[in-house]
Amino acid sequence: MPVRRRMNVYFETGLLNEVSLLAARRKVSKSAVVEMAVQSFLTGDDAGQREAALIRRLDHLSRQMEGMDEDLSILGETLALYVPGMDERTASHAARSAGGCERPWTGAL
């Protein structure tokens, strides 16, 4: 069992009441509740926040990659349609990779 040293701290009445209620609900001492809270504060117990930030960042990167994929498809279509001397095999591959979908701006050309 680890050696424990005594420390006196002062809490506002409302906070002390909350600590007492939590200790009663969990059937542990008030010292244990305060010790857990201090330990959580000191270790930066924010794994959930880090995971949420990572998920947001990965979603953002995924959307960026989808946009770049669409841009590359448009570039392939443009090359297939308007670059003279492109052989039929390369042009048909570019058209297939675009998924055969019409772009709204192709009618303007």
N, C-alpha and C. Protein backbone atom coordinates (compact mmCIF):
# COMPACT_ATOMS: atom_id res chain seq x y z
N MET A 1 0.84 -1.17 0.00
CA MET A 1 0.00 0.00 0.00
C MET A 1 0.89 1.24 0.00
N PRO A 2 0.60 2.20 -0.91
CA PRO A 2 1.45 3.39 -0.97
C PRO A 2 1.30 4.27 0.27
N VAL A 3 2.37 4.93 0.62
CA VAL A 3 2.36 5.84 1.77
C VAL A 3 1.61 7.10 1.37
N ARG A 4 0.71 7.52 2.21
CA ARG A 4 -0.08 8.74 1.94
C ARG A 4 0.28 9.80 2.96
N ARG A 5 0.34 11.04 2.44
CA ARG A 5 0.62 12.16 3.33
C ARG A 5 -0.60 13.05 3.40
N ARG A 6 -0.77 13.65 4.51
CA ARG A 6 -1.94 14.49 4.75
C ARG A 6 -1.75 15.86 4.10
N MET A 7 -2.87 16.39 3.54
CA MET A 7 -2.86 17.72 2.96
C MET A 7 -4.22 18.36 3.25
N ASN A 8 -4.22 19.55 3.77
CA ASN A 8 -5.47 20.25 4.07
C ASN A 8 -5.78 21.22 2.93
N VAL A 9 -7.00 21.12 2.42
CA VAL A 9 -7.45 22.03 1.37
C VAL A 9 -8.81 22.59 1.77
N TYR A 10 -9.15 23.70 1.16
CA TYR A 10 -10.43 24.36 1.46
C TYR A 10 -11.26 24.40 0.18
N PHE A 11 -12.54 24.03 0.30
CA PHE A 11 -13.47 24.03 -0.82
C PHE A 11 -14.65 24.93 -0.48
N GLU A 12 -15.27 25.45 -1.52
CA GLU A 12 -16.54 26.16 -1.32
C GLU A 12 -17.57 25.13 -0.87
N THR A 13 -18.58 25.59 -0.18
CA THR A 13 -19.58 24.68 0.38
C THR A 13 -20.28 23.86 -0.69
N GLY A 14 -20.65 24.48 -1.80
CA GLY A 14 -21.35 23.76 -2.87
C GLY A 14 -20.49 22.66 -3.47
N LEU A 15 -19.20 22.95 -3.67
CA LEU A 15 -18.30 21.96 -4.24
C LEU A 15 -18.07 20.81 -3.26
N LEU A 16 -17.94 21.13 -2.00
CA LEU A 16 -17.75 20.09 -0.99
C LEU A 16 -18.98 19.19 -0.90
N ASN A 17 -20.18 19.78 -1.04
CA ASN A 17 -21.40 18.99 -1.03
C ASN A 17 -21.43 18.02 -2.23
N GLU A 18 -21.00 18.50 -3.40
CA GLU A 18 -20.95 17.63 -4.58
C GLU A 18 -19.97 16.49 -4.38
N VAL A 19 -18.82 16.78 -3.78
CA VAL A 19 -17.83 15.74 -3.50
C VAL A 19 -18.43 14.71 -2.54
N SER A 20 -19.13 15.18 -1.53
CA SER A 20 -19.74 14.27 -0.56
C SER A 20 -20.80 13.39 -1.22
N LEU A 21 -21.64 13.97 -2.07
CA LEU A 21 -22.67 13.19 -2.76
C LEU A 21 -22.06 12.14 -3.69
N LEU A 22 -21.02 12.53 -4.43
CA LEU A 22 -20.37 11.57 -5.32
C LEU A 22 -19.72 10.44 -4.54
N ALA A 23 -19.09 10.78 -3.44
CA ALA A 23 -18.46 9.75 -2.60
C ALA A 23 -19.51 8.78 -2.07
N ALA A 24 -20.66 9.30 -1.68
CA ALA A 24 -21.73 8.44 -1.16
C ALA A 24 -22.29 7.53 -2.26
N ARG A 25 -22.48 8.10 -3.47
CA ARG A 25 -23.00 7.29 -4.59
C ARG A 25 -22.06 6.17 -4.97
N ARG A 26 -20.78 6.47 -5.00
CA ARG A 26 -19.79 5.47 -5.41
C ARG A 26 -19.28 4.62 -4.25
N LYS A 27 -19.72 4.96 -3.07
CA LYS A 27 -19.34 4.23 -1.85
C LYS A 27 -17.82 4.21 -1.67
N VAL A 28 -17.22 5.40 -1.82
CA VAL A 28 -15.79 5.58 -1.57
C VAL A 28 -15.63 6.79 -0.65
N SER A 29 -14.44 7.02 -0.18
CA SER A 29 -14.21 8.18 0.70
C SER A 29 -14.12 9.47 -0.12
N LYS A 30 -14.33 10.58 0.57
CA LYS A 30 -14.17 11.88 -0.08
C LYS A 30 -12.74 12.08 -0.55
N SER A 31 -11.79 11.57 0.22
CA SER A 31 -10.38 11.66 -0.18
C SER A 31 -10.13 10.95 -1.50
N ALA A 32 -10.78 9.80 -1.68
CA ALA A 32 -10.61 9.05 -2.93
C ALA A 32 -11.17 9.83 -4.12
N VAL A 33 -12.32 10.49 -3.93
CA VAL A 33 -12.91 11.30 -5.00
C VAL A 33 -11.97 12.44 -5.38
N VAL A 34 -11.47 13.15 -4.38
CA VAL A 34 -10.57 14.27 -4.64
C VAL A 34 -9.27 13.78 -5.28
N GLU A 35 -8.77 12.64 -4.79
CA GLU A 35 -7.53 12.09 -5.36
C GLU A 35 -7.72 11.73 -6.84
N MET A 36 -8.85 11.11 -7.18
CA MET A 36 -9.13 10.77 -8.58
C MET A 36 -9.24 12.03 -9.45
N ALA A 37 -9.89 13.07 -8.91
CA ALA A 37 -10.05 14.31 -9.67
C ALA A 37 -8.70 14.99 -9.92
N VAL A 38 -7.85 15.03 -8.90
CA VAL A 38 -6.53 15.64 -9.05
C VAL A 38 -5.68 14.82 -10.02
N GLN A 39 -5.75 13.51 -9.92
CA GLN A 39 -4.98 12.65 -10.83
C GLN A 39 -5.42 12.86 -12.27
N SER A 40 -6.71 12.94 -12.48
CA SER A 40 -7.24 13.18 -13.83
C SER A 40 -6.78 14.53 -14.35
N PHE A 41 -6.79 15.53 -13.50
CA PHE A 41 -6.36 16.88 -13.89
C PHE A 41 -4.87 16.90 -14.25
N LEU A 42 -4.05 16.24 -13.47
CA LEU A 42 -2.60 16.26 -13.69
C LEU A 42 -2.17 15.44 -14.91
N THR A 43 -2.86 14.36 -15.20
CA THR A 43 -2.47 13.53 -16.34
C THR A 43 -3.08 14.00 -17.65
N GLY A 44 -3.92 15.01 -17.60
CA GLY A 44 -4.54 15.50 -18.83
C GLY A 44 -5.44 14.44 -19.45
N ASP A 45 -6.37 13.96 -18.68
CA ASP A 45 -7.24 12.86 -19.09
C ASP A 45 -8.21 13.35 -20.17
N ASP A 46 -7.68 13.54 -21.40
CA ASP A 46 -8.51 14.05 -22.48
C ASP A 46 -8.40 13.16 -23.72
N ALA A 47 -8.32 11.86 -23.50
CA ALA A 47 -8.20 10.93 -24.63
C ALA A 47 -9.41 11.03 -25.55
N GLY A 48 -10.58 11.22 -24.98
CA GLY A 48 -11.79 11.36 -25.80
C GLY A 48 -11.73 12.60 -26.67
N GLN A 49 -11.22 13.69 -26.12
CA GLN A 49 -11.10 14.93 -26.90
C GLN A 49 -10.09 14.77 -28.02
N ARG A 50 -8.98 14.09 -27.74
CA ARG A 50 -7.98 13.85 -28.78
C ARG A 50 -8.53 12.96 -29.88
N GLU A 51 -9.29 11.94 -29.50
CA GLU A 51 -9.88 11.05 -30.50
C GLU A 51 -10.87 11.81 -31.37
N ALA A 52 -11.69 12.66 -30.77
CA ALA A 52 -12.66 13.44 -31.54
C ALA A 52 -11.94 14.39 -32.50
N ALA A 53 -10.86 15.02 -32.04
CA ALA A 53 -10.10 15.91 -32.92
C ALA A 53 -9.48 15.14 -34.08
N LEU A 54 -8.98 13.94 -33.79
CA LEU A 54 -8.38 13.12 -34.84
C LEU A 54 -9.43 12.71 -35.87
N ILE A 55 -10.62 12.34 -35.42
CA ILE A 55 -11.69 11.95 -36.33
C ILE A 55 -12.09 13.14 -37.21
N ARG A 56 -12.21 14.33 -36.61
CA ARG A 56 -12.55 15.52 -37.41
C ARG A 56 -11.49 15.78 -38.46
N ARG A 57 -10.22 15.66 -38.09
CA ARG A 57 -9.13 15.92 -39.03
C ARG A 57 -9.11 14.90 -40.16
N LEU A 58 -9.33 13.62 -39.82
CA LEU A 58 -9.37 12.59 -40.86
C LEU A 58 -10.55 12.79 -41.81
N ASP A 59 -11.70 13.20 -41.28
CA ASP A 59 -12.85 13.51 -42.13
C ASP A 59 -12.53 14.65 -43.08
N HIS A 60 -11.87 15.67 -42.57
CA HIS A 60 -11.49 16.81 -43.39
C HIS A 60 -10.53 16.38 -44.50
N LEU A 61 -9.54 15.56 -44.16
CA LEU A 61 -8.60 15.07 -45.16
C LEU A 61 -9.30 14.20 -46.20
N SER A 62 -10.26 13.41 -45.78
CA SER A 62 -11.01 12.57 -46.71
C SER A 62 -11.78 13.43 -47.70
N ARG A 63 -12.42 14.49 -47.22
CA ARG A 63 -13.14 15.39 -48.12
C ARG A 63 -12.19 16.08 -49.09
N GLN A 64 -11.01 16.46 -48.62
CA GLN A 64 -10.03 17.06 -49.51
C GLN A 64 -9.60 16.09 -50.60
N MET A 65 -9.38 14.84 -50.22
CA MET A 65 -8.97 13.83 -51.22
C MET A 65 -10.08 13.59 -52.24
N GLU A 66 -11.33 13.57 -51.81
CA GLU A 66 -12.44 13.39 -52.74
C GLU A 66 -12.49 14.56 -53.72
N GLY A 67 -12.25 15.77 -53.24
CA GLY A 67 -12.22 16.94 -54.13
C GLY A 67 -11.09 16.84 -55.14
N MET A 68 -9.92 16.38 -54.69
CA MET A 68 -8.80 16.24 -55.61
C MET A 68 -9.07 15.14 -56.64
N ASP A 69 -9.76 14.08 -56.23
CA ASP A 69 -10.11 13.02 -57.16
C ASP A 69 -11.04 13.55 -58.25
N GLU A 70 -12.00 14.36 -57.85
CA GLU A 70 -12.91 14.97 -58.84
C GLU A 70 -12.15 15.90 -59.77
N ASP A 71 -11.23 16.68 -59.21
CA ASP A 71 -10.43 17.58 -60.04
C ASP A 71 -9.61 16.80 -61.07
N LEU A 72 -9.04 15.68 -60.64
CA LEU A 72 -8.26 14.86 -61.58
C LEU A 72 -9.14 14.25 -62.66
N SER A 73 -10.37 13.88 -62.30
CA SER A 73 -11.29 13.36 -63.30
C SER A 73 -11.63 14.42 -64.33
N ILE A 74 -11.86 15.63 -63.88
CA ILE A 74 -12.16 16.73 -64.81
C ILE A 74 -10.96 17.00 -65.71
N LEU A 75 -9.77 16.97 -65.15
CA LEU A 75 -8.57 17.16 -65.94
C LEU A 75 -8.43 16.06 -67.00
N GLY A 76 -8.71 14.82 -66.63
CA GLY A 76 -8.66 13.72 -67.59
C GLY A 76 -9.65 13.90 -68.71
N GLU A 77 -10.87 14.34 -68.37
CA GLU A 77 -11.88 14.59 -69.40
C GLU A 77 -11.43 15.69 -70.35
N THR A 78 -10.87 16.75 -69.77
CA THR A 78 -10.41 17.87 -70.58
C THR A 78 -9.33 17.42 -71.55
N LEU A 79 -8.39 16.67 -71.06
CA LEU A 79 -7.33 16.16 -71.93
C LEU A 79 -7.90 15.27 -73.02
N ALA A 80 -8.84 14.42 -72.65
CA ALA A 80 -9.43 13.50 -73.62
C ALA A 80 -10.20 14.24 -74.71
N LEU A 81 -10.83 15.33 -74.37
CA LEU A 81 -11.68 16.04 -75.33
C LEU A 81 -10.94 17.08 -76.15
N TYR A 82 -9.97 17.77 -75.59
CA TYR A 82 -9.45 18.96 -76.25
C TYR A 82 -7.96 18.94 -76.57
N VAL A 83 -7.25 17.90 -76.27
CA VAL A 83 -5.83 17.85 -76.61
C VAL A 83 -5.68 17.09 -77.92
N PRO A 84 -5.18 17.78 -78.97
CA PRO A 84 -5.03 17.10 -80.26
C PRO A 84 -3.94 16.03 -80.19
N GLY A 85 -4.14 14.96 -80.93
CA GLY A 85 -3.13 13.91 -81.02
C GLY A 85 -3.23 12.86 -79.93
N MET A 86 -4.20 12.97 -79.03
CA MET A 86 -4.33 11.95 -77.99
C MET A 86 -4.94 10.71 -78.63
N ASP A 87 -4.31 9.57 -78.45
CA ASP A 87 -4.81 8.36 -79.09
C ASP A 87 -6.14 7.93 -78.48
N GLU A 88 -6.87 7.11 -79.21
CA GLU A 88 -8.23 6.71 -78.82
C GLU A 88 -8.23 5.91 -77.50
N ARG A 89 -7.21 5.09 -77.28
CA ARG A 89 -7.16 4.28 -76.07
C ARG A 89 -7.05 5.17 -74.83
N THR A 90 -6.18 6.17 -74.87
CA THR A 90 -6.00 7.08 -73.75
C THR A 90 -7.27 7.91 -73.53
N ALA A 91 -7.89 8.35 -74.61
CA ALA A 91 -9.12 9.15 -74.50
C ALA A 91 -10.25 8.34 -73.90
N SER A 92 -10.39 7.07 -74.33
CA SER A 92 -11.48 6.26 -73.78
C SER A 92 -11.22 5.93 -72.31
N HIS A 93 -9.95 5.73 -71.94
CA HIS A 93 -9.63 5.49 -70.53
C HIS A 93 -9.98 6.71 -69.68
N ALA A 94 -9.67 7.90 -70.18
CA ALA A 94 -9.99 9.13 -69.43
C ALA A 94 -11.50 9.27 -69.29
N ALA A 95 -12.23 8.94 -70.35
CA ALA A 95 -13.69 9.06 -70.28
C ALA A 95 -14.27 8.03 -69.30
N ARG A 96 -13.71 6.79 -69.29
CA ARG A 96 -14.19 5.77 -68.36
C ARG A 96 -13.90 6.15 -66.92
N SER A 97 -12.71 6.71 -66.69
CA SER A 97 -12.35 7.06 -65.31
C SER A 97 -13.21 8.20 -64.78
N ALA A 98 -13.78 8.98 -65.69
CA ALA A 98 -14.67 10.06 -65.26
C ALA A 98 -16.05 9.52 -64.90
N GLY A 99 -16.30 8.28 -65.20
CA GLY A 99 -17.57 7.68 -64.83
C GLY A 99 -18.67 7.99 -65.81
N GLY A 100 -18.35 8.59 -66.95
CA GLY A 100 -19.35 8.89 -67.95
C GLY A 100 -20.32 9.97 -67.53
N CYS A 101 -20.04 10.68 -66.47
CA CYS A 101 -20.97 11.71 -66.02
C CYS A 101 -20.68 13.01 -66.74
N GLU A 102 -21.71 13.74 -67.02
CA GLU A 102 -21.58 15.02 -67.70
C GLU A 102 -21.26 16.11 -66.69
N ARG A 103 -20.37 16.96 -67.05
CA ARG A 103 -20.05 18.12 -66.21
C ARG A 103 -20.88 19.30 -66.72
N PRO A 104 -21.38 20.14 -65.83
CA PRO A 104 -22.21 21.27 -66.25
C PRO A 104 -21.45 22.26 -67.12
N TRP A 105 -20.16 22.35 -66.96
CA TRP A 105 -19.41 23.35 -67.70
C TRP A 105 -19.00 22.89 -69.10
N THR A 106 -19.17 21.60 -69.43
CA THR A 106 -18.76 21.12 -70.75
C THR A 106 -19.65 21.66 -71.85
N GLY A 107 -20.88 21.97 -71.53
CA GLY A 107 -21.78 22.52 -72.54
C GLY A 107 -21.36 23.92 -72.96
N ALA A 108 -20.69 24.65 -72.08
CA ALA A 108 -20.26 26.01 -72.41
C ALA A 108 -19.10 26.02 -73.38
N LEU A 109 -18.36 24.91 -73.47
CA LEU A 109 -17.22 24.85 -74.37
C LEU A 109 -17.71 24.49 -75.73
